[in-house]
Amino acid sequence: MALITIPQQTRSGEWQMTSASLAARYDTCQVTLNILPTDYVNPAKTLTLEVRTSADNGQTWQHAFGFTWVGGPRTGKDGTPNPAPMTGFSLAAYEGRRVGVFVGIPSPLTLGATVLLQ
């Protein structure tokens, strides 16, 4: 198991959070973004987290999957939670490829991340 912590700082544009060839050493990866509380509850704040793969050691990237997160209250009026942006995935599908985590941040946002490899 490996735990990587990336400290919070203000970021914008595209952030290539991490990339590595990990499939042979680990089975799963979980990425959790840690957003400053005042940014977290602001519905004007958004981000897109995307996992990409590369067969040529990061020279070119192909989209694997991703999602968009929108800030807002941690619990909506109907009781539905607004969870922290996170994703988990199996690395077996990416054997022999480099895996990269990219975050698109349209307006400045203070965030960091935790990456758990098992």
PDB file of N, CA and C in Angstrom:
ATOM      1  N   MET A   1       0.846  -1.179   0.000  1.00  0.00           N
ATOM      2  CA  MET A   1       0.000   0.000   0.000  1.00  0.00           C
ATOM      3  C   MET A   1       0.889   1.239   0.000  1.00  0.00           C
ATOM      4  N   ALA A   2       0.456   2.251  -0.736  1.00  0.00           N
ATOM      5  CA  ALA A   2       1.165   3.530  -0.766  1.00  0.00           C
ATOM      6  C   ALA A   2       0.141   4.650  -0.686  1.00  0.00           C
ATOM      7  N   LEU A   3       0.448   5.655   0.104  1.00  0.00           N
ATOM      8  CA  LEU A   3      -0.414   6.817   0.253  1.00  0.00           C
ATOM      9  C   LEU A   3       0.388   8.053  -0.142  1.00  0.00           C
ATOM     10  N   ILE A   4      -0.126   8.778  -1.128  1.00  0.00           N
ATOM     11  CA  ILE A   4       0.533   9.988  -1.609  1.00  0.00           C
ATOM     12  C   ILE A   4      -0.383  11.163  -1.271  1.00  0.00           C
ATOM     13  N   THR A   5       0.150  12.156  -0.583  1.00  0.00           N
ATOM     14  CA  THR A   5      -0.627  13.337  -0.224  1.00  0.00           C
ATOM     15  C   THR A   5      -0.049  14.542  -0.950  1.00  0.00           C
ATOM     16  N   ILE A   6      -0.902  15.245  -1.670  1.00  0.00           N
ATOM     17  CA  ILE A   6      -0.504  16.451  -2.386  1.00  0.00           C
ATOM     18  C   ILE A   6      -1.158  17.625  -1.661  1.00  0.00           C
ATOM     19  N   PRO A   7      -0.362  18.542  -1.097  1.00  0.00           N
ATOM     20  CA  PRO A   7      -0.927  19.624  -0.280  1.00  0.00           C
ATOM     21  C   PRO A   7      -1.818  20.575  -1.076  1.00  0.00           C
ATOM     22  N   GLN A   8      -2.732  21.216  -0.343  1.00  0.00           N
ATOM     23  CA  GLN A   8      -3.624  22.197  -0.959  1.00  0.00           C
ATOM     24  C   GLN A   8      -2.834  23.417  -1.408  1.00  0.00           C
ATOM     25  N   GLN A   9      -3.206  23.914  -2.588  1.00  0.00           N
ATOM     26  CA  GLN A   9      -2.734  25.210  -3.051  1.00  0.00           C
ATOM     27  C   GLN A   9      -3.723  25.684  -4.103  1.00  0.00           C
ATOM     28  N   THR A  10      -3.711  26.975  -4.413  1.00  0.00           N
ATOM     29  CA  THR A  10      -4.624  27.516  -5.400  1.00  0.00           C
ATOM     30  C   THR A  10      -4.129  27.133  -6.789  1.00  0.00           C
ATOM     31  N   ARG A  11      -5.039  26.542  -7.574  1.00  0.00           N
ATOM     32  CA  ARG A  11      -4.693  26.067  -8.904  1.00  0.00           C
ATOM     33  C   ARG A  11      -5.785  26.512  -9.881  1.00  0.00           C
ATOM     34  N   SER A  12      -5.421  26.583 -11.169  1.00  0.00           N
ATOM     35  CA  SER A  12      -6.405  26.821 -12.227  1.00  0.00           C
ATOM     36  C   SER A  12      -5.817  26.276 -13.521  1.00  0.00           C
ATOM     37  N   GLY A  13      -6.668  26.154 -14.535  1.00  0.00           N
ATOM     38  CA  GLY A  13      -6.231  25.575 -15.799  1.00  0.00           C
ATOM     39  C   GLY A  13      -6.215  24.062 -15.698  1.00  0.00           C
ATOM     40  N   GLU A  14      -5.299  23.418 -16.426  1.00  0.00           N
ATOM     41  CA  GLU A  14      -5.195  21.958 -16.345  1.00  0.00           C
ATOM     42  C   GLU A  14      -4.048  21.581 -15.420  1.00  0.00           C
ATOM     43  N   TRP A  15      -4.349  20.735 -14.456  1.00  0.00           N
ATOM     44  CA  TRP A  15      -3.365  20.258 -13.481  1.00  0.00           C
ATOM     45  C   TRP A  15      -3.154  18.776 -13.727  1.00  0.00           C
ATOM     46  N   GLN A  16      -1.946  18.406 -14.144  1.00  0.00           N
ATOM     47  CA  GLN A  16      -1.604  16.987 -14.263  1.00  0.00           C
ATOM     48  C   GLN A  16      -1.120  16.566 -12.888  1.00  0.00           C
ATOM     49  N   MET A  17      -2.044  15.981 -12.135  1.00  0.00           N
ATOM     50  CA  MET A  17      -1.789  15.685 -10.733  1.00  0.00           C
ATOM     51  C   MET A  17      -0.686  14.651 -10.570  1.00  0.00           C
ATOM     52  N   THR A  18      -0.771  13.565 -11.317  1.00  0.00           N
ATOM     53  CA  THR A  18       0.223  12.508 -11.198  1.00  0.00           C
ATOM     54  C   THR A  18       0.130  11.616 -12.413  1.00  0.00           C
ATOM     55  N   SER A  19       1.205  10.930 -12.711  1.00  0.00           N
ATOM     56  CA  SER A  19       1.159   9.887 -13.733  1.00  0.00           C
ATOM     57  C   SER A  19       2.271   8.899 -13.437  1.00  0.00           C
ATOM     58  N   ALA A  20       1.979   7.629 -13.667  1.00  0.00           N
ATOM     59  CA  ALA A  20       2.953   6.586 -13.405  1.00  0.00           C
ATOM     60  C   ALA A  20       2.502   5.286 -14.055  1.00  0.00           C
ATOM     61  N   SER A  21       3.441   4.376 -14.228  1.00  0.00           N
ATOM     62  CA  SER A  21       3.127   3.020 -14.671  1.00  0.00           C
ATOM     63  C   SER A  21       3.079   2.168 -13.417  1.00  0.00           C
ATOM     64  N   LEU A  22       1.880   1.855 -12.948  1.00  0.00           N
ATOM     65  CA  LEU A  22       1.699   1.246 -11.633  1.00  0.00           C
ATOM     66  C   LEU A  22       1.043  -0.124 -11.657  1.00  0.00           C
ATOM     67  N   ALA A  23       0.504  -0.543 -12.783  1.00  0.00           N
ATOM     68  CA  ALA A  23      -0.345  -1.728 -12.822  1.00  0.00           C
ATOM     69  C   ALA A  23       0.365  -2.983 -12.311  1.00  0.00           C
ATOM     70  N   ALA A  24       1.640  -3.124 -12.555  1.00  0.00           N
ATOM     71  CA  ALA A  24       2.341  -4.341 -12.138  1.00  0.00           C
ATOM     72  C   ALA A  24       2.577  -4.375 -10.623  1.00  0.00           C
ATOM     73  N   ARG A  25       2.609  -3.219  -9.990  1.00  0.00           N
ATOM     74  CA  ARG A  25       2.933  -3.157  -8.566  1.00  0.00           C
ATOM     75  C   ARG A  25       1.707  -3.058  -7.663  1.00  0.00           C
ATOM     76  N   TYR A  26       0.630  -2.449  -8.157  1.00  0.00           N
ATOM     77  CA  TYR A  26      -0.577  -2.232  -7.367  1.00  0.00           C
ATOM     78  C   TYR A  26      -1.798  -2.721  -8.135  1.00  0.00           C
ATOM     79  N   ASP A  27      -2.867  -3.026  -7.411  1.00  0.00           N
ATOM     80  CA  ASP A  27      -4.109  -3.494  -8.035  1.00  0.00           C
ATOM     81  C   ASP A  27      -5.122  -2.381  -8.242  1.00  0.00           C
ATOM     82  N   THR A  28      -5.236  -1.461  -7.272  1.00  0.00           N
ATOM     83  CA  THR A  28      -6.246  -0.417  -7.354  1.00  0.00           C
ATOM     84  C   THR A  28      -5.662   0.953  -7.022  1.00  0.00           C
ATOM     85  N   CYS A  29      -6.357   1.968  -7.487  1.00  0.00           N
ATOM     86  CA  CYS A  29      -5.981   3.354  -7.220  1.00  0.00           C
ATOM     87  C   CYS A  29      -7.239   4.105  -6.802  1.00  0.00           C
ATOM     88  N   GLN A  30      -7.144   4.884  -5.730  1.00  0.00           N
ATOM     89  CA  GLN A  30      -8.242   5.748  -5.301  1.00  0.00           C
ATOM     90  C   GLN A  30      -7.708   7.165  -5.195  1.00  0.00           C
ATOM     91  N   VAL A  31      -8.375   8.090  -5.868  1.00  0.00           N
ATOM     92  CA  VAL A  31      -7.981   9.500  -5.866  1.00  0.00           C
ATOM     93  C   VAL A  31      -9.092  10.303  -5.213  1.00  0.00           C
ATOM     94  N   THR A  32      -8.751  11.084  -4.181  1.00  0.00           N
ATOM     95  CA  THR A  32      -9.706  11.964  -3.513  1.00  0.00           C
ATOM     96  C   THR A  32      -9.150  13.379  -3.560  1.00  0.00           C
ATOM     97  N   LEU A  33      -9.948  14.318  -4.062  1.00  0.00           N
ATOM     98  CA  LEU A  33      -9.538  15.722  -4.080  1.00  0.00           C
ATOM     99  C   LEU A  33      -9.999  16.380  -2.796  1.00  0.00           C
ATOM    100  N   ASN A  34      -9.107  17.120  -2.165  1.00  0.00           N
ATOM    101  CA  ASN A  34      -9.369  17.812  -0.899  1.00  0.00           C
ATOM    102  C   ASN A  34      -9.476  19.303  -1.191  1.00  0.00           C
ATOM    103  N   ILE A  35     -10.697  19.813  -1.122  1.00  0.00           N
ATOM    104  CA  ILE A  35     -10.968  21.196  -1.524  1.00  0.00           C
ATOM    105  C   ILE A  35     -11.149  22.075  -0.292  1.00  0.00           C
ATOM    106  N   LEU A  36     -10.599  23.281  -0.351  1.00  0.00           N
ATOM    107  CA  LEU A  36     -10.767  24.266   0.717  1.00  0.00           C
ATOM    108  C   LEU A  36     -12.259  24.424   1.005  1.00  0.00           C
ATOM    109  N   PRO A  37     -12.694  24.384   2.278  1.00  0.00           N
ATOM    110  CA  PRO A  37     -14.128  24.420   2.591  1.00  0.00           C
ATOM    111  C   PRO A  37     -14.901  25.575   1.953  1.00  0.00           C
ATOM    112  N   THR A  38     -14.325  26.776   1.895  1.00  0.00           N
ATOM    113  CA  THR A  38     -15.067  27.900   1.297  1.00  0.00           C
ATOM    114  C   THR A  38     -15.245  27.708  -0.212  1.00  0.00           C
ATOM    115  N   ASP A  39     -14.319  27.029  -0.875  1.00  0.00           N
ATOM    116  CA  ASP A  39     -14.476  26.705  -2.293  1.00  0.00           C
ATOM    117  C   ASP A  39     -15.460  25.554  -2.474  1.00  0.00           C
ATOM    118  N   TYR A  40     -15.426  24.586  -1.556  1.00  0.00           N
ATOM    119  CA  TYR A  40     -16.273  23.394  -1.644  1.00  0.00           C
ATOM    120  C   TYR A  40     -17.754  23.762  -1.689  1.00  0.00           C
ATOM    121  N   VAL A  41     -18.175  24.713  -0.894  1.00  0.00           N
ATOM    122  CA  VAL A  41     -19.596  25.064  -0.802  1.00  0.00           C
ATOM    123  C   VAL A  41     -20.028  26.119  -1.821  1.00  0.00           C
ATOM    124  N   ASN A  42     -19.124  26.592  -2.659  1.00  0.00           N
ATOM    125  CA  ASN A  42     -19.427  27.632  -3.639  1.00  0.00           C
ATOM    126  C   ASN A  42     -19.919  26.983  -4.940  1.00  0.00           C
ATOM    127  N   PRO A  43     -21.197  27.165  -5.299  1.00  0.00           N
ATOM    128  CA  PRO A  43     -21.721  26.532  -6.512  1.00  0.00           C
ATOM    129  C   PRO A  43     -21.121  27.076  -7.810  1.00  0.00           C
ATOM    130  N   ALA A  44     -20.364  28.163  -7.733  1.00  0.00           N
ATOM    131  CA  ALA A  44     -19.690  28.690  -8.921  1.00  0.00           C
ATOM    132  C   ALA A  44     -18.385  27.945  -9.194  1.00  0.00           C
ATOM    133  N   LYS A  45     -17.938  27.115  -8.267  1.00  0.00           N
ATOM    134  CA  LYS A  45     -16.685  26.379  -8.429  1.00  0.00           C
ATOM    135  C   LYS A  45     -16.969  25.010  -9.040  1.00  0.00           C
ATOM    136  N   THR A  46     -16.222  24.668 -10.072  1.00  0.00           N
ATOM    137  CA  THR A  46     -16.355  23.366 -10.725  1.00  0.00           C
ATOM    138  C   THR A  46     -14.975  22.829 -11.056  1.00  0.00           C
ATOM    139  N   LEU A  47     -14.931  21.545 -11.323  1.00  0.00           N
ATOM    140  CA  LEU A  47     -13.705  20.932 -11.823  1.00  0.00           C
ATOM    141  C   LEU A  47     -14.074  19.683 -12.602  1.00  0.00           C
ATOM    142  N   THR A  48     -13.175  19.252 -13.444  1.00  0.00           N
ATOM    143  CA  THR A  48     -13.325  18.007 -14.174  1.00  0.00           C
ATOM    144  C   THR A  48     -12.122  17.145 -13.865  1.00  0.00           C
ATOM    145  N   LEU A  49     -12.367  15.951 -13.338  1.00  0.00           N
ATOM    146  CA  LEU A  49     -11.293  14.997 -13.077  1.00  0.00           C
ATOM    147  C   LEU A  49     -11.323  13.971 -14.199  1.00  0.00           C
ATOM    148  N   GLU A  50     -10.173  13.729 -14.798  1.00  0.00           N
ATOM    149  CA  GLU A  50     -10.096  12.799 -15.926  1.00  0.00           C
ATOM    150  C   GLU A  50      -8.898  11.872 -15.745  1.00  0.00           C
ATOM    151  N   VAL A  51      -9.133  10.590 -15.952  1.00  0.00           N
ATOM    152  CA  VAL A  51      -8.056   9.609 -15.972  1.00  0.00           C
ATOM    153  C   VAL A  51      -7.743   9.326 -17.434  1.00  0.00           C
ATOM    154  N   ARG A  52      -6.477   9.445 -17.772  1.00  0.00           N
ATOM    155  CA  ARG A  52      -6.016   9.192 -19.144  1.00  0.00           C
ATOM    156  C   ARG A  52      -4.940   8.120 -19.120  1.00  0.00           C
ATOM    157  N   THR A  53      -4.763   7.457 -20.247  1.00  0.00           N
ATOM    158  CA  THR A  53      -3.708   6.455 -20.361  1.00  0.00           C
ATOM    159  C   THR A  53      -2.800   6.802 -21.530  1.00  0.00           C
ATOM    160  N   SER A  54      -1.584   6.292 -21.462  1.00  0.00           N
ATOM    161  CA  SER A  54      -0.609   6.543 -22.515  1.00  0.00           C
ATOM    162  C   SER A  54       0.179   5.261 -22.791  1.00  0.00           C
ATOM    163  N   ALA A  55       0.300   4.921 -24.064  1.00  0.00           N
ATOM    164  CA  ALA A  55       1.094   3.756 -24.467  1.00  0.00           C
ATOM    165  C   ALA A  55       2.530   4.154 -24.799  1.00  0.00           C
ATOM    166  N   ASP A  56       2.803   5.476 -24.834  1.00  0.00           N
ATOM    167  CA  ASP A  56       4.146   5.936 -25.210  1.00  0.00           C
ATOM    168  C   ASP A  56       4.791   6.773 -24.097  1.00  0.00           C
ATOM    169  N   ASN A  57       4.597   6.337 -22.868  1.00  0.00           N
ATOM    170  CA  ASN A  57       5.232   6.944 -21.688  1.00  0.00           C
ATOM    171  C   ASN A  57       4.893   8.417 -21.504  1.00  0.00           C
ATOM    172  N   GLY A  58       3.640   8.795 -21.841  1.00  0.00           N
ATOM    173  CA  GLY A  58       3.200  10.156 -21.575  1.00  0.00           C
ATOM    174  C   GLY A  58       3.388  11.143 -22.707  1.00  0.00           C
ATOM    175  N   GLN A  59       3.827  10.687 -23.866  1.00  0.00           N
ATOM    176  CA  GLN A  59       3.952  11.609 -25.000  1.00  0.00           C
ATOM    177  C   GLN A  59       2.580  12.008 -25.528  1.00  0.00           C
ATOM    178  N   THR A  60       1.654  11.035 -25.607  1.00  0.00           N
ATOM    179  CA  THR A  60       0.280  11.295 -25.997  1.00  0.00           C
ATOM    180  C   THR A  60      -0.638  10.595 -24.998  1.00  0.00           C
ATOM    181  N   TRP A  61      -1.804  11.191 -24.764  1.00  0.00           N
ATOM    182  CA  TRP A  61      -2.748  10.668 -23.775  1.00  0.00           C
ATOM    183  C   TRP A  61      -4.087  10.388 -24.415  1.00  0.00           C
ATOM    184  N   GLN A  62      -4.758   9.325 -23.962  1.00  0.00           N
ATOM    185  CA  GLN A  62      -6.099   8.977 -24.396  1.00  0.00           C
ATOM    186  C   GLN A  62      -7.016   8.977 -23.176  1.00  0.00           C
ATOM    187  N   HIS A  63      -8.222   9.528 -23.358  1.00  0.00           N
ATOM    188  CA  HIS A  63      -9.218   9.577 -22.287  1.00  0.00           C
ATOM    189  C   HIS A  63      -9.641   8.161 -21.915  1.00  0.00           C
ATOM    190  N   ALA A  64      -9.651   7.842 -20.605  1.00  0.00           N
ATOM    191  CA  ALA A  64     -10.172   6.559 -20.120  1.00  0.00           C
ATOM    192  C   ALA A  64     -11.553   6.788 -19.506  1.00  0.00           C
ATOM    193  N   PHE A  65     -11.645   7.699 -18.541  1.00  0.00           N
ATOM    194  CA  PHE A  65     -12.925   8.061 -17.928  1.00  0.00           C
ATOM    195  C   PHE A  65     -12.739   9.322 -17.112  1.00  0.00           C
ATOM    196  N   GLY A  66     -13.854   9.912 -16.657  1.00  0.00           N
ATOM    197  CA  GLY A  66     -13.773  11.108 -15.843  1.00  0.00           C
ATOM    198  C   GLY A  66     -15.155  11.575 -15.427  1.00  0.00           C
ATOM    199  N   PHE A  67     -15.189  12.701 -14.723  1.00  0.00           N
ATOM    200  CA  PHE A  67     -16.447  13.274 -14.269  1.00  0.00           C
ATOM    201  C   PHE A  67     -16.261  14.752 -13.975  1.00  0.00           C
ATOM    202  N   THR A  68     -17.389  15.463 -13.874  1.00  0.00           N
ATOM    203  CA  THR A  68     -17.392  16.876 -13.497  1.00  0.00           C
ATOM    204  C   THR A  68     -18.005  17.001 -12.114  1.00  0.00           C
ATOM    205  N   TRP A  69     -17.396  17.829 -11.276  1.00  0.00           N
ATOM    206  CA  TRP A  69     -17.884  18.100  -9.921  1.00  0.00           C
ATOM    207  C   TRP A  69     -18.259  19.571  -9.832  1.00  0.00           C
ATOM    208  N   VAL A  70     -19.363  19.865  -9.143  1.00  0.00           N
ATOM    209  CA  VAL A  70     -19.825  21.241  -8.936  1.00  0.00           C
ATOM    210  C   VAL A  70     -19.923  21.489  -7.438  1.00  0.00           C
ATOM    211  N   GLY A  71     -19.368  22.598  -6.980  1.00  0.00           N
ATOM    212  CA  GLY A  71     -19.421  22.945  -5.564  1.00  0.00           C
ATOM    213  C   GLY A  71     -20.836  23.218  -5.098  1.00  0.00           C
ATOM    214  N   GLY A  72     -21.025  23.167  -3.811  1.00  0.00           N
ATOM    215  CA  GLY A  72     -22.327  23.429  -3.218  1.00  0.00           C
ATOM    216  C   GLY A  72     -22.352  22.905  -1.794  1.00  0.00           C
ATOM    217  N   PRO A  73     -23.454  23.093  -1.100  1.00  0.00           N
ATOM    218  CA  PRO A  73     -23.542  22.603   0.278  1.00  0.00           C
ATOM    219  C   PRO A  73     -23.215  21.114   0.342  1.00  0.00           C
ATOM    220  N   ARG A  74     -22.614  20.705   1.432  1.00  0.00           N
ATOM    221  CA  ARG A  74     -22.255  19.292   1.577  1.00  0.00           C
ATOM    222  C   ARG A  74     -23.477  18.389   1.588  1.00  0.00           C
ATOM    223  N   THR A  75     -24.624  18.948   1.946  1.00  0.00           N
ATOM    224  CA  THR A  75     -25.882  18.202   1.880  1.00  0.00           C
ATOM    225  C   THR A  75     -26.932  19.104   1.246  1.00  0.00           C
ATOM    226  N   GLY A  76     -27.599  18.603   0.200  1.00  0.00           N
ATOM    227  CA  GLY A  76     -28.624  19.374  -0.492  1.00  0.00           C
ATOM    228  C   GLY A  76     -29.898  19.479   0.327  1.00  0.00           C
ATOM    229  N   LYS A  77     -30.821  20.306  -0.137  1.00  0.00           N
ATOM    230  CA  LYS A  77     -32.089  20.511   0.560  1.00  0.00           C
ATOM    231  C   LYS A  77     -32.876  19.217   0.728  1.00  0.00           C
ATOM    232  N   ASP A  78     -32.689  18.287  -0.211  1.00  0.00           N
ATOM    233  CA  ASP A  78     -33.405  17.015  -0.133  1.00  0.00           C
ATOM    234  C   ASP A  78     -32.621  15.959   0.653  1.00  0.00           C
ATOM    235  N   GLY A  79     -31.517  16.366   1.259  1.00  0.00           N
ATOM    236  CA  GLY A  79     -30.711  15.435   2.047  1.00  0.00           C
ATOM    237  C   GLY A  79     -29.671  14.678   1.242  1.00  0.00           C
ATOM    238  N   THR A  80     -29.634  14.907  -0.068  1.00  0.00           N
ATOM    239  CA  THR A  80     -28.660  14.230  -0.921  1.00  0.00           C
ATOM    240  C   THR A  80     -27.276  14.818  -0.675  1.00  0.00           C
ATOM    241  N   PRO A  81     -26.278  13.982  -0.411  1.00  0.00           N
ATOM    242  CA  PRO A  81     -24.939  14.506  -0.152  1.00  0.00           C
ATOM    243  C   PRO A  81     -24.260  15.001  -1.429  1.00  0.00           C
ATOM    244  N   ASN A  82     -23.411  15.993  -1.276  1.00  0.00           N
ATOM    245  CA  ASN A  82     -22.526  16.456  -2.340  1.00  0.00           C
ATOM    246  C   ASN A  82     -21.147  15.932  -1.945  1.00  0.00           C
ATOM    247  N   PRO A  83     -20.827  14.712  -2.352  1.00  0.00           N
ATOM    248  CA  PRO A  83     -19.595  14.095  -1.872  1.00  0.00           C
ATOM    249  C   PRO A  83     -18.343  14.778  -2.418  1.00  0.00           C
ATOM    250  N   ALA A  84     -17.254  14.568  -1.707  1.00  0.00           N
ATOM    251  CA  ALA A  84     -15.965  15.059  -2.189  1.00  0.00           C
ATOM    252  C   ALA A  84     -15.676  14.396  -3.531  1.00  0.00           C
ATOM    253  N   PRO A  85     -15.058  15.125  -4.458  1.00  0.00           N
ATOM    254  CA  PRO A  85     -14.732  14.510  -5.734  1.00  0.00           C
ATOM    255  C   PRO A  85     -13.687  13.412  -5.542  1.00  0.00           C
ATOM    256  N   MET A  86     -14.072  12.195  -5.914  1.00  0.00           N
ATOM    257  CA  MET A  86     -13.149  11.073  -5.781  1.00  0.00           C
ATOM    258  C   MET A  86     -13.484  10.009  -6.805  1.00  0.00           C
ATOM    259  N   THR A  87     -12.518   9.170  -7.097  1.00  0.00           N
ATOM    260  CA  THR A  87     -12.730   8.034  -7.979  1.00  0.00           C
ATOM    261  C   THR A  87     -11.787   6.922  -7.572  1.00  0.00           C
ATOM    262  N   GLY A  88     -12.187   5.717  -7.828  1.00  0.00           N
ATOM    263  CA  GLY A  88     -11.351   4.548  -7.597  1.00  0.00           C
ATOM    264  C   GLY A  88     -11.444   3.650  -8.809  1.00  0.00           C
ATOM    265  N   PHE A  89     -10.347   2.984  -9.140  1.00  0.00           N
ATOM    266  CA  PHE A  89     -10.367   2.128 -10.323  1.00  0.00           C
ATOM    267  C   PHE A  89      -9.297   1.046 -10.215  1.00  0.00           C
ATOM    268  N   SER A  90      -9.522  -0.007 -10.975  1.00  0.00           N
ATOM    269  CA  SER A  90      -8.578  -1.122 -11.042  1.00  0.00           C
ATOM    270  C   SER A  90      -7.477  -0.768 -12.030  1.00  0.00           C
ATOM    271  N   LEU A  91      -6.250  -1.062 -11.671  1.00  0.00           N
ATOM    272  CA  LEU A  91      -5.128  -0.781 -12.567  1.00  0.00           C
ATOM    273  C   LEU A  91      -4.893  -1.910 -13.562  1.00  0.00           C
ATOM    274  N   ALA A  92      -5.503  -3.074 -13.335  1.00  0.00           N
ATOM    275  CA  ALA A  92      -5.272  -4.222 -14.208  1.00  0.00           C
ATOM    276  C   ALA A  92      -5.625  -3.916 -15.662  1.00  0.00           C
ATOM    277  N   ALA A  93      -6.663  -3.105 -15.872  1.00  0.00           N
ATOM    278  CA  ALA A  93      -7.082  -2.773 -17.236  1.00  0.00           C
ATOM    279  C   ALA A  93      -6.044  -1.942 -17.981  1.00  0.00           C
ATOM    280  N   TYR A  94      -5.099  -1.368 -17.263  1.00  0.00           N
ATOM    281  CA  TYR A  94      -4.117  -0.474 -17.874  1.00  0.00           C
ATOM    282  C   TYR A  94      -2.701  -1.054 -17.841  1.00  0.00           C
ATOM    283  N   GLU A  95      -2.602  -2.352 -17.703  1.00  0.00           N
ATOM    284  CA  GLU A  95      -1.299  -3.041 -17.674  1.00  0.00           C
ATOM    285  C   GLU A  95      -0.453  -2.611 -18.871  1.00  0.00           C
ATOM    286  N   GLY A  96       0.777  -2.220 -18.601  1.00  0.00           N
ATOM    287  CA  GLY A  96       1.701  -1.833 -19.656  1.00  0.00           C
ATOM    288  C   GLY A  96       1.515  -0.411 -20.169  1.00  0.00           C
ATOM    289  N   ARG A  97       0.594   0.328 -19.588  1.00  0.00           N
ATOM    290  CA  ARG A  97       0.343   1.709 -20.009  1.00  0.00           C
ATOM    291  C   ARG A  97       0.600   2.648 -18.831  1.00  0.00           C
ATOM    292  N   ARG A  98       0.938   3.864 -19.140  1.00  0.00           N
ATOM    293  CA  ARG A  98       1.071   4.889 -18.118  1.00  0.00           C
ATOM    294  C   ARG A  98      -0.327   5.431 -17.817  1.00  0.00           C
ATOM    295  N   VAL A  99      -0.630   5.659 -16.549  1.00  0.00           N
ATOM    296  CA  VAL A  99      -1.923   6.185 -16.122  1.00  0.00           C
ATOM    297  C   VAL A  99      -1.703   7.583 -15.564  1.00  0.00           C
ATOM    298  N   GLY A 100      -2.494   8.541 -16.016  1.00  0.00           N
ATOM    299  CA  GLY A 100      -2.368   9.918 -15.548  1.00  0.00           C
ATOM    300  C   GLY A 100      -3.684  10.440 -15.035  1.00  0.00           C
ATOM    301  N   VAL A 101      -3.616  11.253 -13.996  1.00  0.00           N
ATOM    302  CA  VAL A 101      -4.806  11.905 -13.446  1.00  0.00           C
ATOM    303  C   VAL A 101      -4.679  13.398 -13.740  1.00  0.00           C
ATOM    304  N   PHE A 102      -5.678  13.923 -14.447  1.00  0.00           N
ATOM    305  CA  PHE A 102      -5.687  15.317 -14.860  1.00  0.00           C
ATOM    306  C   PHE A 102      -6.924  15.987 -14.271  1.00  0.00           C
ATOM    307  N   VAL A 103      -6.759  17.231 -13.823  1.00  0.00           N
ATOM    308  CA  VAL A 103      -7.879  17.978 -13.262  1.00  0.00           C
ATOM    309  C   VAL A 103      -7.987  19.294 -14.023  1.00  0.00           C
ATOM    310  N   GLY A 104      -9.164  19.533 -14.621  1.00  0.00           N
ATOM    311  CA  GLY A 104      -9.438  20.790 -15.306  1.00  0.00           C
ATOM    312  C   GLY A 104     -10.144  21.729 -14.345  1.00  0.00           C
ATOM    313  N   ILE A 105      -9.578  22.914 -14.153  1.00  0.00           N
ATOM    314  CA  ILE A 105     -10.086  23.861 -13.161  1.00  0.00           C
ATOM    315  C   ILE A 105     -10.335  25.197 -13.871  1.00  0.00           C
ATOM    316  N   PRO A 106     -11.614  25.481 -14.216  1.00  0.00           N
ATOM    317  CA  PRO A 106     -11.894  26.685 -14.997  1.00  0.00           C
ATOM    318  C   PRO A 106     -11.654  28.008 -14.273  1.00  0.00           C
ATOM    319  N   SER A 107     -11.868  28.055 -12.956  1.00  0.00           N
ATOM    320  CA  SER A 107     -11.571  29.269 -12.194  1.00  0.00           C
ATOM    321  C   SER A 107     -10.770  28.859 -10.960  1.00  0.00           C
ATOM    322  N   PRO A 108      -9.937  29.756 -10.427  1.00  0.00           N
ATOM    323  CA  PRO A 108      -9.060  29.375  -9.322  1.00  0.00           C
ATOM    324  C   PRO A 108      -9.795  28.649  -8.198  1.00  0.00           C
ATOM    325  N   LEU A 109      -9.170  27.578  -7.737  1.00  0.00           N
ATOM    326  CA  LEU A 109      -9.736  26.696  -6.729  1.00  0.00           C
ATOM    327  C   LEU A 109      -8.595  26.209  -5.853  1.00  0.00           C
ATOM    328  N   THR A 110      -8.783  26.235  -4.538  1.00  0.00           N
ATOM    329  CA  THR A 110      -7.737  25.748  -3.634  1.00  0.00           C
ATOM    330  C   THR A 110      -8.020  24.293  -3.316  1.00  0.00           C
ATOM    331  N   LEU A 111      -7.121  23.438  -3.765  1.00  0.00           N
ATOM    332  CA  LEU A 111      -7.307  22.004  -3.553  1.00  0.00           C
ATOM    333  C   LEU A 111      -5.978  21.277  -3.513  1.00  0.00           C
ATOM    334  N   GLY A 112      -6.037  20.104  -2.917  1.00  0.00           N
ATOM    335  CA  GLY A 112      -4.944  19.159  -2.891  1.00  0.00           C
ATOM    336  C   GLY A 112      -5.550  17.799  -3.190  1.00  0.00           C
ATOM    337  N   ALA A 113      -4.788  16.741  -2.913  1.00  0.00           N
ATOM    338  CA  ALA A 113      -5.307  15.412  -3.235  1.00  0.00           C
ATOM    339  C   ALA A 113      -4.641  14.352  -2.375  1.00  0.00           C
ATOM    340  N   THR A 114      -5.340  13.232  -2.288  1.00  0.00           N
ATOM    341  CA  THR A 114      -4.805  12.034  -1.658  1.00  0.00           C
ATOM    342  C   THR A 114      -4.944  10.910  -2.679  1.00  0.00           C
ATOM    343  N   VAL A 115      -3.860  10.191  -2.923  1.00  0.00           N
ATOM    344  CA  VAL A 115      -3.867   9.053  -3.827  1.00  0.00           C
ATOM    345  C   VAL A 115      -3.501   7.813  -3.018  1.00  0.00           C
ATOM    346  N   LEU A 116      -4.389   6.823  -3.001  1.00  0.00           N
ATOM    347  CA  LEU A 116      -4.162   5.587  -2.283  1.00  0.00           C
ATOM    348  C   LEU A 116      -3.987   4.462  -3.293  1.00  0.00           C
ATOM    349  N   LEU A 117      -2.842   3.792  -3.236  1.00  0.00           N
ATOM    350  CA  LEU A 117      -2.551   2.667  -4.112  1.00  0.00           C
ATOM    351  C   LEU A 117      -2.511   1.399  -3.277  1.00  0.00           C
ATOM    352  N   GLN A 118      -3.227   0.380  -3.725  1.00  0.00           N
ATOM    353  CA  GLN A 118      -3.225  -0.888  -2.992  1.00  0.00           C
ATOM    354  C   GLN A 118      -2.983  -2.029  -3.943  1.00  0.00           C
TER     355      GLN A 118
END
